[in-house]
C-alpha atoms as a PDB file:
ATOM      1  CA  UNK A   1      18.616  23.045 -22.201  1.00  0.00           C
ATOM      2  CA  UNK A   2      18.115  21.234 -19.259  1.00  0.00           C
ATOM      3  CA  UNK A   3      21.101  20.636 -16.693  1.00  0.00           C
ATOM      4  CA  UNK A   4      22.417  17.020 -16.132  1.00  0.00           C
ATOM      5  CA  UNK A   5      20.548  16.600 -12.704  1.00  0.00           C
ATOM      6  CA  UNK A   6      17.351  17.616 -14.297  1.00  0.00           C
ATOM      7  CA  UNK A   7      17.594  15.207 -17.218  1.00  0.00           C
ATOM      8  CA  UNK A   8      18.470  12.641 -14.824  1.00  0.00           C
ATOM      9  CA  UNK A   9      15.419  13.677 -12.630  1.00  0.00           C
ATOM     10  CA  UNK A  10      13.145  13.106 -15.693  1.00  0.00           C
ATOM     11  CA  UNK A  11      14.914   9.485 -16.509  1.00  0.00           C
ATOM     12  CA  UNK A  12      14.403   8.097 -12.722  1.00  0.00           C
ATOM     13  CA  UNK A  13      10.871   9.293 -12.645  1.00  0.00           C
ATOM     14  CA  UNK A  14      10.166   7.751 -16.347  1.00  0.00           C
ATOM     15  CA  UNK A  15      11.668   4.440 -15.017  1.00  0.00           C
ATOM     16  CA  UNK A  16       9.788   4.327 -12.304  1.00  0.00           C
ATOM     17  CA  UNK A  17       6.409   5.137 -13.466  1.00  0.00           C
ATOM     18  CA  UNK A  18       6.919   2.997 -15.926  1.00  0.00           C
ATOM     19  CA  UNK A  19       8.421  -0.173 -13.302  1.00  0.00           C
ATOM     20  CA  UNK A  20       5.483   0.171 -10.746  1.00  0.00           C
ATOM     21  CA  UNK A  21       2.528   0.354 -13.822  1.00  0.00           C
ATOM     22  CA  UNK A  22       0.315  -2.899 -13.439  1.00  0.00           C
ATOM     23  CA  UNK A  23       1.474  -2.851  -9.498  1.00  0.00           C
ATOM     24  CA  UNK A  24      -1.651  -1.075  -8.429  1.00  0.00           C
ATOM     25  CA  UNK A  25       0.631   1.201  -6.288  1.00  0.00           C
ATOM     26  CA  UNK A  26       1.956  -2.304  -5.478  1.00  0.00           C
ATOM     27  CA  UNK A  27       1.181  -4.125  -2.090  1.00  0.00           C
ATOM     28  CA  UNK A  28       2.169  -1.635   0.479  1.00  0.00           C
ATOM     29  CA  UNK A  29       0.089   0.809  -0.409  1.00  0.00           C
ATOM     30  CA  UNK A  30      -2.954  -1.663  -0.470  1.00  0.00           C
ATOM     31  CA  UNK A  31      -3.972  -4.565   2.178  1.00  0.00           C
ATOM     32  CA  UNK A  32      -5.253  -8.152   1.502  1.00  0.00           C
ATOM     33  CA  UNK A  33      -5.696 -11.183   4.256  1.00  0.00           C
ATOM     34  CA  UNK A  34      -3.207 -13.128   3.956  1.00  0.00           C
ATOM     35  CA  UNK A  35      -1.296 -13.475   7.519  1.00  0.00           C
ATOM     36  CA  UNK A  36       1.884 -11.868   8.092  1.00  0.00           C
ATOM     37  CA  UNK A  37       5.254 -13.681   8.745  1.00  0.00           C
ATOM     38  CA  UNK A  38       8.452 -13.004  10.771  1.00  0.00           C
ATOM     39  CA  UNK A  39      10.935 -11.578   8.470  1.00  0.00           C
ATOM     40  CA  UNK A  40      12.020  -7.712   7.681  1.00  0.00           C
ATOM     41  CA  UNK A  41      10.003  -4.847   9.485  1.00  0.00           C
ATOM     42  CA  UNK A  42       7.730  -2.241   7.333  1.00  0.00           C
ATOM     43  CA  UNK A  43       6.280   0.903   9.648  1.00  0.00           C
ATOM     44  CA  UNK A  44       3.539   2.866   9.225  1.00  0.00           C
ATOM     45  CA  UNK A  45       1.568   5.892  11.527  1.00  0.00           C
ATOM     46  CA  UNK A  46      -0.762   8.210  11.650  1.00  0.00           C
ATOM     47  CA  UNK A  47       1.856  11.756  11.584  1.00  0.00           C
ATOM     48  CA  UNK A  48       1.332  12.493   7.970  1.00  0.00           C
ATOM     49  CA  UNK A  49      -0.295  14.961   5.955  1.00  0.00           C
ATOM     50  CA  UNK A  50      -2.458  13.867   2.491  1.00  0.00           C
ATOM     51  CA  UNK A  51      -3.023  14.725  -0.713  1.00  0.00           C
ATOM     52  CA  UNK A  52      -6.811  16.178  -1.210  1.00  0.00           C
ATOM     53  CA  UNK A  53      -6.528  17.883   2.334  1.00  0.00           C
ATOM     54  CA  UNK A  54      -4.819  21.410   1.529  1.00  0.00           C
ATOM     55  CA  UNK A  55      -7.139  23.378   4.205  1.00  0.00           C
ATOM     56  CA  UNK A  56      -6.581  21.050   7.305  1.00  0.00           C
ATOM     57  CA  UNK A  57      -3.709  18.509   7.421  1.00  0.00           C
ATOM     58  CA  UNK A  58      -4.740  16.674   9.954  1.00  0.00           C
ATOM     59  CA  UNK A  59      -3.446  12.598  10.276  1.00  0.00           C
ATOM     60  CA  UNK A  60      -4.510  10.610   7.789  1.00  0.00           C
ATOM     61  CA  UNK A  61      -4.619   8.428   5.300  1.00  0.00           C
ATOM     62  CA  UNK A  62      -2.433   5.816   6.920  1.00  0.00           C
ATOM     63  CA  UNK A  63      -1.271   2.409   5.428  1.00  0.00           C
ATOM     64  CA  UNK A  64      -3.697   1.023   7.599  1.00  0.00           C
ATOM     65  CA  UNK A  65      -6.483   2.807   8.663  1.00  0.00           C
ATOM     66  CA  UNK A  66      -6.591   2.457  12.759  1.00  0.00           C
ATOM     67  CA  UNK A  67      -2.908   1.634  13.501  1.00  0.00           C
ATOM     68  CA  UNK A  68      -1.260   2.619  16.548  1.00  0.00           C
ATOM     69  CA  UNK A  69       1.475   5.516  16.159  1.00  0.00           C
ATOM     70  CA  UNK A  70       4.954   4.244  15.873  1.00  0.00           C
ATOM     71  CA  UNK A  71       4.305   0.307  16.032  1.00  0.00           C
ATOM     72  CA  UNK A  72       6.475  -2.298  14.043  1.00  0.00           C
ATOM     73  CA  UNK A  73       5.026  -5.224  12.744  1.00  0.00           C
ATOM     74  CA  UNK A  74       6.951  -8.110  10.996  1.00  0.00           C
ATOM     75  CA  UNK A  75       7.949  -8.857   7.072  1.00  0.00           C
ATOM     76  CA  UNK A  76       5.905  -5.750   5.471  1.00  0.00           C
ATOM     77  CA  UNK A  77       2.595  -6.593   7.465  1.00  0.00           C
ATOM     78  CA  UNK A  78       0.704  -3.548   8.427  1.00  0.00           C
ATOM     79  CA  UNK A  79      -0.162  -2.927  11.882  1.00  0.00           C
ATOM     80  CA  UNK A  80      -3.657  -4.191  11.605  1.00  0.00           C
ATOM     81  CA  UNK A  81      -1.866  -7.427  10.748  1.00  0.00           C
ATOM     82  CA  UNK A  82      -2.535  -7.788   7.063  1.00  0.00           C
ATOM     83  CA  UNK A  83       0.401  -8.790   5.335  1.00  0.00           C
ATOM     84  CA  UNK A  84       2.298  -6.394   2.737  1.00  0.00           C
ATOM     85  CA  UNK A  85       4.927  -8.298   2.144  1.00  0.00           C
ATOM     86  CA  UNK A  86       6.840  -7.219  -1.099  1.00  0.00           C
ATOM     87  CA  UNK A  87       8.047  -9.581  -4.193  1.00  0.00           C
ATOM     88  CA  UNK A  88      11.647  -9.406  -5.024  1.00  0.00           C
ATOM     89  CA  UNK A  89      10.078  -7.511  -7.965  1.00  0.00           C
ATOM     90  CA  UNK A  90       9.150  -4.676  -5.796  1.00  0.00           C
ATOM     91  CA  UNK A  91      12.089  -4.860  -3.522  1.00  0.00           C
ATOM     92  CA  UNK A  92      13.918  -3.800  -6.751  1.00  0.00           C
ATOM     93  CA  UNK A  93      12.242  -1.305  -7.710  1.00  0.00           C
ATOM     94  CA  UNK A  94      12.412   0.197  -4.212  1.00  0.00           C
ATOM     95  CA  UNK A  95      16.442  -0.400  -3.918  1.00  0.00           C
ATOM     96  CA  UNK A  96      15.900   1.362  -7.965  1.00  0.00           C
ATOM     97  CA  UNK A  97      14.650   4.771  -6.520  1.00  0.00           C
ATOM     98  CA  UNK A  98      18.366   5.440  -4.869  1.00  0.00           C
ATOM     99  CA  UNK A  99      20.193   7.934  -6.776  1.00  0.00           C
ATOM    100  CA  UNK A 100      23.639   7.821  -5.161  1.00  0.00           C
ATOM    101  CA  UNK A 101      24.455  10.749  -7.027  1.00  0.00           C
ATOM    102  CA  UNK A 102      27.677  12.439  -5.937  1.00  0.00           C
ATOM    103  CA  UNK A 103      27.216  16.131  -5.300  1.00  0.00           C
ATOM    104  CA  UNK A 104      23.743  15.637  -5.111  1.00  0.00           C
ATOM    105  CA  UNK A 105      22.575  19.082  -3.456  1.00  0.00           C
ATOM    106  CA  UNK A 106      19.532  16.996  -2.178  1.00  0.00           C
ATOM    107  CA  UNK A 107      21.467  14.052  -0.303  1.00  0.00           C
ATOM    108  CA  UNK A 108      24.145  13.810   2.658  1.00  0.00           C
ATOM    109  CA  UNK A 109      25.997  11.135   3.491  1.00  0.00           C
ATOM    110  CA  UNK A 110      28.494   8.817   1.489  1.00  0.00           C
ATOM    111  CA  UNK A 111      27.768   7.427  -2.023  1.00  0.00           C
ATOM    112  CA  UNK A 112      28.013   4.246  -1.029  1.00  0.00           C
ATOM    113  CA  UNK A 113      26.594   3.828   1.951  1.00  0.00           C
ATOM    114  CA  UNK A 114      25.093   0.317   3.352  1.00  0.00           C
ATOM    115  CA  UNK A 115      22.132   2.435   4.202  1.00  0.00           C
ATOM    116  CA  UNK A 116      19.630   4.937   2.022  1.00  0.00           C
ATOM    117  CA  UNK A 117      16.459   6.398   3.467  1.00  0.00           C
ATOM    118  CA  UNK A 118      14.652   8.355   1.021  1.00  0.00           C
ATOM    119  CA  UNK A 119      12.499  11.362   2.390  1.00  0.00           C
ATOM    120  CA  UNK A 120       9.582  12.274   0.371  1.00  0.00           C
ATOM    121  CA  UNK A 121       7.982  15.421   2.075  1.00  0.00           C
ATOM    122  CA  UNK A 122       6.405  18.816   1.345  1.00  0.00           C
ATOM    123  CA  UNK A 123       8.208  21.969   3.043  1.00  0.00           C
ATOM    124  CA  UNK A 124       4.399  23.325   4.043  1.00  0.00           C
ATOM    125  CA  UNK A 125       3.971  19.559   6.210  1.00  0.00           C
ATOM    126  CA  UNK A 126       3.964  20.033   9.647  1.00  0.00           C
ATOM    127  CA  UNK A 127       4.680  16.571  10.238  1.00  0.00           C
ATOM    128  CA  UNK A 128       7.075  17.179   7.895  1.00  0.00           C
ATOM    129  CA  UNK A 129       8.592  20.192   9.871  1.00  0.00           C
ATOM    130  CA  UNK A 130       8.419  17.927  13.485  1.00  0.00           C
ATOM    131  CA  UNK A 131      10.465  14.903  11.876  1.00  0.00           C
ATOM    132  CA  UNK A 132      13.045  17.778  10.061  1.00  0.00           C
ATOM    133  CA  UNK A 133      13.524  19.117  13.750  1.00  0.00           C
ATOM    134  CA  UNK A 134      13.022  16.287  16.285  1.00  0.00           C
ATOM    135  CA  UNK A 135      14.082  13.016  14.350  1.00  0.00           C
ATOM    136  CA  UNK A 136      16.712  13.753  11.073  1.00  0.00           C
ATOM    137  CA  UNK A 137      19.446  15.227  13.627  1.00  0.00           C
ATOM    138  CA  UNK A 138      19.475  12.453  15.929  1.00  0.00           C
ATOM    139  CA  UNK A 139      20.314  10.381  12.539  1.00  0.00           C
ATOM    140  CA  UNK A 140      23.244  12.516  11.859  1.00  0.00           C
ATOM    141  CA  UNK A 141      25.724   9.941  13.948  1.00  0.00           C
ATOM    142  CA  UNK A 142      24.968   7.410  11.075  1.00  0.00           C
ATOM    143  CA  UNK A 143      25.318   9.262   8.316  1.00  0.00           C
ATOM    144  CA  UNK A 144      29.317  11.060   9.769  1.00  0.00           C
ATOM    145  CA  UNK A 145      30.183   7.313  10.317  1.00  0.00           C
ATOM    146  CA  UNK A 146      29.441   6.147   6.065  1.00  0.00           C
ATOM    147  CA  UNK A 147      26.074   4.296   7.742  1.00  0.00           C
ATOM    148  CA  UNK A 148      23.334   5.796   6.259  1.00  0.00           C
ATOM    149  CA  UNK A 149      22.618   8.566   2.950  1.00  0.00           C
ATOM    150  CA  UNK A 150      20.048  10.774   3.381  1.00  0.00           C
ATOM    151  CA  UNK A 151      18.135  12.058  -0.251  1.00  0.00           C
ATOM    152  CA  UNK A 152      15.646  14.102  -0.021  1.00  0.00           C
ATOM    153  CA  UNK A 153      12.431  14.271  -2.841  1.00  0.00           C
ATOM    154  CA  UNK A 154       9.442  16.631  -3.190  1.00  0.00           C
ATOM    155  CA  UNK A 155       6.442  15.408  -2.731  1.00  0.00           C
ATOM    156  CA  UNK A 156       3.894  18.049  -3.147  1.00  0.00           C
ATOM    157  CA  UNK A 157       0.774  17.420  -1.506  1.00  0.00           C
ATOM    158  CA  UNK A 158      -0.549  21.611  -0.571  1.00  0.00           C
ATOM    159  CA  UNK A 159      -0.555  23.102  -4.045  1.00  0.00           C
ATOM    160  CA  UNK A 160       1.311  25.575  -5.716  1.00  0.00           C
ATOM    161  CA  UNK A 161       2.670  27.772  -2.473  1.00  0.00           C
ATOM    162  CA  UNK A 162       4.287  24.426  -1.255  1.00  0.00           C
ATOM    163  CA  UNK A 163       6.165  24.200  -5.288  1.00  0.00           C
ATOM    164  CA  UNK A 164       7.602  27.627  -4.738  1.00  0.00           C
ATOM    165  CA  UNK A 165       8.593  26.670  -1.479  1.00  0.00           C
ATOM    166  CA  UNK A 166      10.350  23.552  -3.447  1.00  0.00           C
ATOM    167  CA  UNK A 167      12.239  25.584  -5.912  1.00  0.00           C
ATOM    168  CA  UNK A 168      13.312  28.219  -3.585  1.00  0.00           C
ATOM    169  CA  UNK A 169      15.211  25.025  -1.715  1.00  0.00           C
ATOM    170  CA  UNK A 170      16.658  23.938  -4.739  1.00  0.00           C
ATOM    171  CA  UNK A 171      17.651  27.853  -5.477  1.00  0.00           C
ATOM    172  CA  UNK A 172      19.580  27.540  -2.344  1.00  0.00           C
ATOM    173  CA  UNK A 173      21.102  25.171  -3.357  1.00  0.00           C
ATOM    174  CA  UNK A 174      22.322  26.321  -6.713  1.00  0.00           C
ATOM    175  CA  UNK A 175      24.396  28.635  -4.131  1.00  0.00           C
ATOM    176  CA  UNK A 176      25.341  25.411  -2.301  1.00  0.00           C
ATOM    177  CA  UNK A 177      23.159  26.335   0.629  1.00  0.00           C
ATOM    178  CA  UNK A 178      20.424  23.894   0.105  1.00  0.00           C
ATOM    179  CA  UNK A 179      20.012  22.161   3.429  1.00  0.00           C
ATOM    180  CA  UNK A 180      20.405  25.156   5.210  1.00  0.00           C
ATOM    181  CA  UNK A 181      18.019  26.576   3.761  1.00  0.00           C
ATOM    182  CA  UNK A 182      15.894  23.382   4.150  1.00  0.00           C
ATOM    183  CA  UNK A 183      16.539  23.143   7.937  1.00  0.00           C
ATOM    184  CA  UNK A 184      15.781  27.100   8.127  1.00  0.00           C
ATOM    185  CA  UNK A 185      12.344  26.350   6.119  1.00  0.00           C
ATOM    186  CA  UNK A 186      11.351  23.633   9.150  1.00  0.00           C
ATOM    187  CA  UNK A 187      12.600  25.534  11.780  1.00  0.00           C
ATOM    188  CA  UNK A 188      10.532  28.406  11.512  1.00  0.00           C
ATOM    189  CA  UNK A 189       7.516  25.996  10.646  1.00  0.00           C
ATOM    190  CA  UNK A 190       4.897  25.956  13.161  1.00  0.00           C
ATOM    191  CA  UNK A 191       3.808  22.278  14.875  1.00  0.00           C
ATOM    192  CA  UNK A 192       0.349  22.462  13.560  1.00  0.00           C
ATOM    193  CA  UNK A 193      -0.787  23.899  10.728  1.00  0.00           C
ATOM    194  CA  UNK A 194       0.405  24.934   7.162  1.00  0.00           C
ATOM    195  CA  UNK A 195       3.513  27.043   7.049  1.00  0.00           C
ATOM    196  CA  UNK A 196       2.677  30.516   5.137  1.00  0.00           C
ATOM    197  CA  UNK A 197       6.124  31.016   3.187  1.00  0.00           C
ATOM    198  CA  UNK A 198       4.740  33.619   0.370  1.00  0.00           C
ATOM    199  CA  UNK A 199       7.926  34.721  -2.175  1.00  0.00           C
ATOM    200  CA  UNK A 200       8.787  37.694   0.127  1.00  0.00           C
ATOM    201  CA  UNK A 201       9.162  34.944   3.120  1.00  0.00           C
ATOM    202  CA  UNK A 202      11.580  33.065   0.913  1.00  0.00           C
ATOM    203  CA  UNK A 203      13.314  35.858   0.277  1.00  0.00           C
ATOM    204  CA  UNK A 204      13.795  36.135   3.975  1.00  0.00           C
ATOM    205  CA  UNK A 205      15.019  33.105   4.894  1.00  0.00           C
ATOM    206  CA  UNK A 206      17.329  33.246   2.112  1.00  0.00           C
ATOM    207  CA  UNK A 207      18.986  35.974   3.829  1.00  0.00           C
ATOM    208  CA  UNK A 208      19.141  34.401   6.805  1.00  0.00           C
ATOM    209  CA  UNK A 209      20.973  31.556   5.665  1.00  0.00           C
ATOM    210  CA  UNK A 210      23.507  33.943   4.058  1.00  0.00           C
ATOM    211  CA  UNK A 211      22.720  33.426   0.402  1.00  0.00           C
ATOM    212  CA  UNK A 212      25.737  35.398  -1.225  1.00  0.00           C
ATOM    213  CA  UNK A 213      23.336  35.786  -4.037  1.00  0.00           C
ATOM    214  CA  UNK A 214      19.818  37.295  -3.496  1.00  0.00           C
ATOM    215  CA  UNK A 215      19.010  38.647  -7.099  1.00  0.00           C
ATOM    216  CA  UNK A 216      20.038  35.571  -8.465  1.00  0.00           C
ATOM    217  CA  UNK A 217      18.300  33.644  -5.733  1.00  0.00           C
ATOM    218  CA  UNK A 218      14.943  35.870  -6.925  1.00  0.00           C
ATOM    219  CA  UNK A 219      15.533  34.763 -10.359  1.00  0.00           C
ATOM    220  CA  UNK A 220      15.888  31.526 -10.003  1.00  0.00           C
ATOM    221  CA  UNK A 221      12.048  31.081  -8.143  1.00  0.00           C
ATOM    222  CA  UNK A 222      11.115  31.341 -11.789  1.00  0.00           C
ATOM    223  CA  UNK A 223      13.288  28.541 -12.951  1.00  0.00           C
ATOM    224  CA  UNK A 224      11.984  26.129 -15.193  1.00  0.00           C
ATOM    225  CA  UNK A 225      14.638  23.792 -15.092  1.00  0.00           C
ATOM    226  CA  UNK A 226      14.399  24.001 -10.638  1.00  0.00           C
ATOM    227  CA  UNK A 227      10.406  23.456 -11.278  1.00  0.00           C
ATOM    228  CA  UNK A 228      11.152  20.511 -13.614  1.00  0.00           C
ATOM    229  CA  UNK A 229      12.968  18.844 -11.602  1.00  0.00           C
ATOM    230  CA  UNK A 230      10.527  19.412  -8.610  1.00  0.00           C
ATOM    231  CA  UNK A 231       8.041  17.951 -11.192  1.00  0.00           C
ATOM    232  CA  UNK A 232      10.477  14.918 -11.345  1.00  0.00           C
ATOM    233  CA  UNK A 233      10.290  14.615  -7.894  1.00  0.00           C
ATOM    234  CA  UNK A 234       6.160  14.620  -8.012  1.00  0.00           C
ATOM    235  CA  UNK A 235       6.330  12.059 -10.731  1.00  0.00           C
ATOM    236  CA  UNK A 236       8.248   9.362  -8.780  1.00  0.00           C
ATOM    237  CA  UNK A 237       6.445   9.792  -5.911  1.00  0.00           C
ATOM    238  CA  UNK A 238       3.196   9.787  -7.565  1.00  0.00           C
ATOM    239  CA  UNK A 239       4.217   6.349  -9.409  1.00  0.00           C
ATOM    240  CA  UNK A 240       5.405   4.584  -6.317  1.00  0.00           C
ATOM    241  CA  UNK A 241       1.352   5.588  -4.539  1.00  0.00           C
ATOM    242  CA  UNK A 242       2.544   8.261  -1.917  1.00  0.00           C
ATOM    243  CA  UNK A 243      -0.502   9.900  -1.368  1.00  0.00           C
ATOM    244  CA  UNK A 244       0.772  11.482   2.176  1.00  0.00           C
ATOM    245  CA  UNK A 245       4.202  12.830   3.654  1.00  0.00           C
ATOM    246  CA  UNK A 246       6.177  12.816   5.366  1.00  0.00           C
ATOM    247  CA  UNK A 247       6.474   8.976   3.771  1.00  0.00           C
ATOM    248  CA  UNK A 248      10.172   7.390   3.901  1.00  0.00           C
ATOM    249  CA  UNK A 249      11.713   4.100   1.922  1.00  0.00           C
ATOM    250  CA  UNK A 250      14.969   2.804   3.915  1.00  0.00           C
ATOM    251  CA  UNK A 251      16.408   0.952   1.447  1.00  0.00           C
ATOM    252  CA  UNK A 252      13.466  -2.049   0.869  1.00  0.00           C
ATOM    253  CA  UNK A 253      11.289  -0.364   4.555  1.00  0.00           C
ATOM    254  CA  UNK A 254       8.746   1.391   3.570  1.00  0.00           C
ATOM    255  CA  UNK A 255       7.740   4.288   6.637  1.00  0.00           C
ATOM    256  CA  UNK A 256       4.535   6.059   6.863  1.00  0.00           C
ATOM    257  CA  UNK A 257       4.522   9.132   8.988  1.00  0.00           C
ATOM    258  CA  UNK A 258       6.606  11.320  11.542  1.00  0.00           C
ATOM    259  CA  UNK A 259       7.995   8.280  12.949  1.00  0.00           C
ATOM    260  CA  UNK A 260      10.031   8.429  15.973  1.00  0.00           C
ATOM    261  CA  UNK A 261      13.998   8.534  16.432  1.00  0.00           C
ATOM    262  CA  UNK A 262      14.066   5.129  18.026  1.00  0.00           C
ATOM    263  CA  UNK A 263      11.731   3.584  14.830  1.00  0.00           C
ATOM    264  CA  UNK A 264      14.439   4.623  12.367  1.00  0.00           C
ATOM    265  CA  UNK A 265      17.611   3.845  14.447  1.00  0.00           C
ATOM    266  CA  UNK A 266      16.037   0.580  14.708  1.00  0.00           C
ATOM    267  CA  UNK A 267      15.941   0.235  10.589  1.00  0.00           C
ATOM    268  CA  UNK A 268      18.992   1.576   9.914  1.00  0.00           C
ATOM    269  CA  UNK A 269      21.123  -0.933  12.306  1.00  0.00           C
ATOM    270  CA  UNK A 270      19.010  -3.462  10.721  1.00  0.00           C
ATOM    271  CA  UNK A 271      19.176  -2.448   7.061  1.00  0.00           C
ATOM    272  CA  UNK A 272      23.178  -1.827   7.916  1.00  0.00           C
ATOM    273  CA  UNK A 273      23.169  -5.728   8.524  1.00  0.00           C
ATOM    274  CA  UNK A 274      21.616  -6.856   5.536  1.00  0.00           C
ATOM    275  CA  UNK A 275      22.296  -5.072   3.240  1.00  0.00           C
ATOM    276  CA  UNK A 276      24.736  -6.676   0.424  1.00  0.00           C
END
């Protein structure tokens, strides 16, 4: 029997995939020639690792090829001026990605926070590690004052070893230490190239963050239930056309790449004032 959390995750993934059929991975993953209009910002950049590039995670696969990293465009426009305005139905899909589950081990912040930042990441992605070390801590004040909720999703781009790491993080979460383990993985990651995280290293990290029952932790590394939850996240990411990590959704604003803190600060502040 799957746990309620795993069942909910699968249900969410199924609903999301069904909703996006016919959207052609929707407009923020494609380009057209309509001019942008003033409005809500969308952000993209080159600090991401893409699927199909497991040998060398170079910056690639940005929403607008050749765009300058960190630039903010208006009304969903890509940095080269191509319009990527989202329809009301597409915005509803993005808002529907928010889980807002009380006690979700993969989330921090108030369930009713006006802004939800969803991060799609691979634990072996160097850009994801950079964002976790250099940007995420700067968003903590928004979490502390109730403005922001951060929800993590597993988006595997580097194969089976990455999937095992994702299961390991959830195994630590089974003992109440998901975020401690999450942070330890990224803290130990190299600044370039993929992190080498075989099972022995995953157990060492569990010891470092004081996971109380290491035997249970090791057993959970083979848990089908935890793997199913990882795969549900992967299905959600694939269903909305995510091909590289890290990718974020800040309420209804998609963000590609490991953008600097000021980009996320601007978005959180703006979304906090416009959220219903």
